[in-house]
Amino acid sequence: MSTCAHHEGVLPVKKRRNSLIAAVIAFVAVIAIAVPGFAFAHAGASNNAAAQTTAKVRPFDHVFVIFMENHGTPSIIGDPNAPYINSLAQTYALANNYYGVTHPSLPNYIAATSGNNWYSNSDDPTQVFDHVNLVDSLERAHLSWKGYMENLPSVGFTGASSPDGLYVSKHDPFVLYQDILNNPKRLNNVVPLSQLSVDLAQNHVPNFAWITPNLCNDMHGVGGSPCPYSNDAQLKADGDAFVKEWVNAIMSSRAWTGNSVIFITWDEDDYTGNPANGGWESPAGCCDSPVIPANASFFPAGGLYGGGQVPMIVIGTHTKRAYVSTTAYNHYSMLKTIEDVWGLPEIGMTSDSAQVTDMYEFFK
């Protein structure tokens, strides 16, 4: 007869422990399926940081990114030609030490969506990047996305510019990736901006929505009519009106849940024609911006080649109010924040937590 006899219906300690563990695992699995945004932590320092982040900031319902052009922080913050943008900066959260990743425009759009400029300091629209990007991460996580492009001639258009010249592919990061260009289904998510009005009205907005204004409304301008570079005050006023129209449309829609967020930023600072900086006002930067060898044609002095200081305004129900941060950030920081809050892999430089800081301080 066993010396370990037990009453009927009472499991031995080992079996009880194993049953308890199995029950906990089963419960966690059910929660992972049932709760949006729940994710198991992965091994590795960067993924541990992502898991901690998810605990601090609830997964977003919708992320809207409005990407403006070619104006530094001193050109916008405090400027009377952009009263609405300044009201947002005063009401919500402003990153007052935020930088473009580099110069010129195109590599900033790539950096903001793949975590690297991939050695590009060129606006050549024939560049195609064969790298993991945010779209890959979103789709693997079953999160929806669209790129809304003002003056895009048609859904999935892949030309370098529209017939009117106001849409340019160098400001459309999605058509610069090989795995989107070669995928008609993905290209169907690159749509004219007018579609956003429809999607907002029908409450059919994707989880991630990127908004690129045309060359007049992004403050970039063109060589002549209808929005010349020389009329900077009008460019700012037009850009301010654009931001007001779409921020109001978003915030008055059903997509503006208690847990959606809008990031408004500029790709790089002002173009001044300074040949020492490739024509740009400043090569200031941070957070893994590229370091260029001396004697490069576009930056003869060599060294850090950031995109200059630009505004970043973060708007949301759960963002802090009247908040100004002096922490150094750039477009990698925005991407890292989106990735971590949604539990996505940290791609490119966003995984470098020693240099690239998340933007969680903006959230309550």
Foldseek 3Di string as FASTA:
>chain_A
DDPPDDDPPDDDPVVVVVVVVVVVVVVVVVCCVPDALDDDQDDDDLSVVLVVLLVLAPAFQAEEEEAFAAAFPVRFAPDPLQVQVNVLCQWAEKAQQEFFLFDDFLLSLVCLWFVGSVPDRDLPLVAADAGDTNVNQCVVSVFDEAEAEAPPPFQLDQDQAHPVRFTGCSNPNQSRYPVQVVDVVNSNRYGHNVVVLVCQVVVNHTRYYYYYYTCQQSLNADCDPPGHVVPSSNSSNSVSVVCVVVVVSCCVGPSQDQRYKYKYKYNAHHQCCPQQLLRGDDQDAFQPRDWADACDRSHNRTGRGIRHHMMIRMDHNFFDTSHYHHDYAYSLQVSLQNCSNSSTDNGHSVSVCVTHPHDSNRGD
